[in-house]
Protein backbone atom coordinates (compact mmCIF):
# COMPACT_ATOMS: atom_id res chain seq x y z
CA MET A 1 3.82 -10.20 -14.49
CA GLY A 2 1.52 -13.10 -13.88
CA GLU A 3 -1.91 -13.59 -15.36
CA ASP A 4 -3.46 -13.22 -11.89
CA ASP A 5 -1.99 -9.72 -11.59
CA PHE A 6 -3.22 -8.86 -15.09
CA ARG A 7 -6.76 -10.01 -14.22
CA ARG A 8 -6.64 -7.97 -11.04
CA LEU A 9 -5.72 -4.90 -13.08
CA GLU A 10 -8.67 -5.57 -15.40
CA HIS A 11 -11.00 -5.80 -12.39
CA LEU A 12 -9.65 -2.48 -11.15
CA VAL A 13 -10.33 -0.91 -14.56
CA ALA A 14 -13.97 -2.01 -14.37
CA GLU A 15 -14.35 -0.45 -10.91
CA LEU A 16 -12.68 2.79 -11.99
CA ASP A 17 -14.88 3.00 -15.08
CA ALA A 18 -17.95 2.61 -12.83
CA ARG A 19 -16.76 5.68 -10.92
CA GLY A 20 -16.53 7.79 -14.07
CA LEU A 21 -12.76 7.68 -14.45
CA LEU A 22 -11.00 6.78 -17.68
CA ALA A 23 -8.86 3.69 -17.12
CA ARG A 24 -7.09 1.09 -19.20
CA VAL A 25 -4.48 -1.57 -18.77
CA VAL A 26 -1.21 -0.68 -20.47
CA ARG A 27 1.40 -3.35 -21.17
CA THR A 28 4.95 -2.13 -21.71
CA PRO A 29 7.32 -3.74 -24.25
CA SER A 30 9.07 -5.45 -21.33
CA GLY A 31 5.79 -7.16 -20.40
CA ARG A 32 5.05 -5.14 -17.27
CA ALA A 33 1.49 -3.89 -17.02
CA TYR A 34 -0.19 -1.09 -15.12
CA VAL A 35 -3.50 0.75 -15.08
CA ARG A 36 -3.42 4.29 -16.45
CA VAL A 37 -6.19 6.36 -14.81
CA ILE A 38 -7.36 9.82 -15.84
CA ASN A 39 -10.05 12.04 -14.36
CA PRO A 40 -11.98 13.13 -17.50
CA ASP A 41 -13.14 16.30 -15.74
CA ALA A 42 -9.57 17.35 -14.91
CA THR A 43 -7.23 15.56 -17.30
CA SER A 44 -4.11 16.73 -15.47
CA LEU A 45 -5.18 14.45 -12.60
CA THR A 46 -3.72 11.06 -13.51
CA GLU A 47 -2.24 8.02 -11.82
CA ASN A 48 -0.60 4.74 -12.78
CA VAL A 49 -1.41 1.75 -10.58
CA VAL A 50 0.48 -1.53 -10.62
CA CYS A 51 -0.43 -4.89 -9.15
CA GLN A 52 2.26 -6.96 -7.55
CA ALA A 53 2.34 -9.57 -4.79
CA ALA A 54 -1.47 -9.49 -4.40
CA ASP A 55 -1.51 -5.74 -3.74
CA TYR A 56 -2.16 -2.59 -5.73
CA TRP A 57 0.62 -0.02 -5.59
CA TRP A 58 0.71 3.73 -6.28
CA SER A 59 3.10 4.93 -8.98
CA TRP A 60 5.49 6.26 -6.32
CA GLY A 61 5.98 2.75 -4.89
CA GLU A 62 3.68 2.89 -1.87
CA ARG A 63 1.27 0.03 -1.23
CA MET A 64 -2.25 1.29 -1.86
CA HIS A 65 -4.70 -1.56 -1.21
CA ARG A 66 -5.06 -5.32 -1.34
CA ALA A 67 -5.77 -6.66 -4.81
CA ASP A 68 -8.67 -8.89 -3.77
CA ASP A 69 -10.74 -5.72 -3.21
CA PRO A 70 -10.70 -3.74 -6.47
CA ALA A 71 -13.74 -1.71 -5.37
CA GLY A 72 -11.89 -0.45 -2.30
CA ALA A 73 -8.83 0.35 -4.37
CA ALA A 74 -10.93 2.22 -6.94
CA THR A 75 -12.50 4.29 -4.18
CA LYS A 76 -9.03 5.37 -3.02
CA VAL A 77 -7.93 6.25 -6.55
CA ALA A 78 -11.14 8.20 -7.17
CA ARG A 79 -10.59 10.17 -3.97
CA VAL A 80 -7.01 11.05 -4.93
CA LEU A 81 -7.99 12.07 -8.48
CA ALA A 82 -11.07 14.06 -7.49
CA ALA A 83 -11.12 17.61 -8.79
CA VAL A 84 -11.40 20.26 -6.08
CA SER A 85 -14.81 21.38 -7.38
CA GLU A 86 -16.27 17.84 -7.15
């Protein structure tokens, strides 16, 4: 993982935090990093987002959004993790 991807993950964390989600960058022992996101109002609603090749990717391997727009990516994550009552 390059430093650019790591910085992009940090920018995503800031945008997710601004939307009321709990988010942090996690670095695995192998050096890979991802953002762990939790909806604090419904803690079973979680997602892991990776950044690779200038894009954000869902945990299931589908491209989510371009990495130069963390606000847009955070909006998508927030929508997916929204509790039904929200």
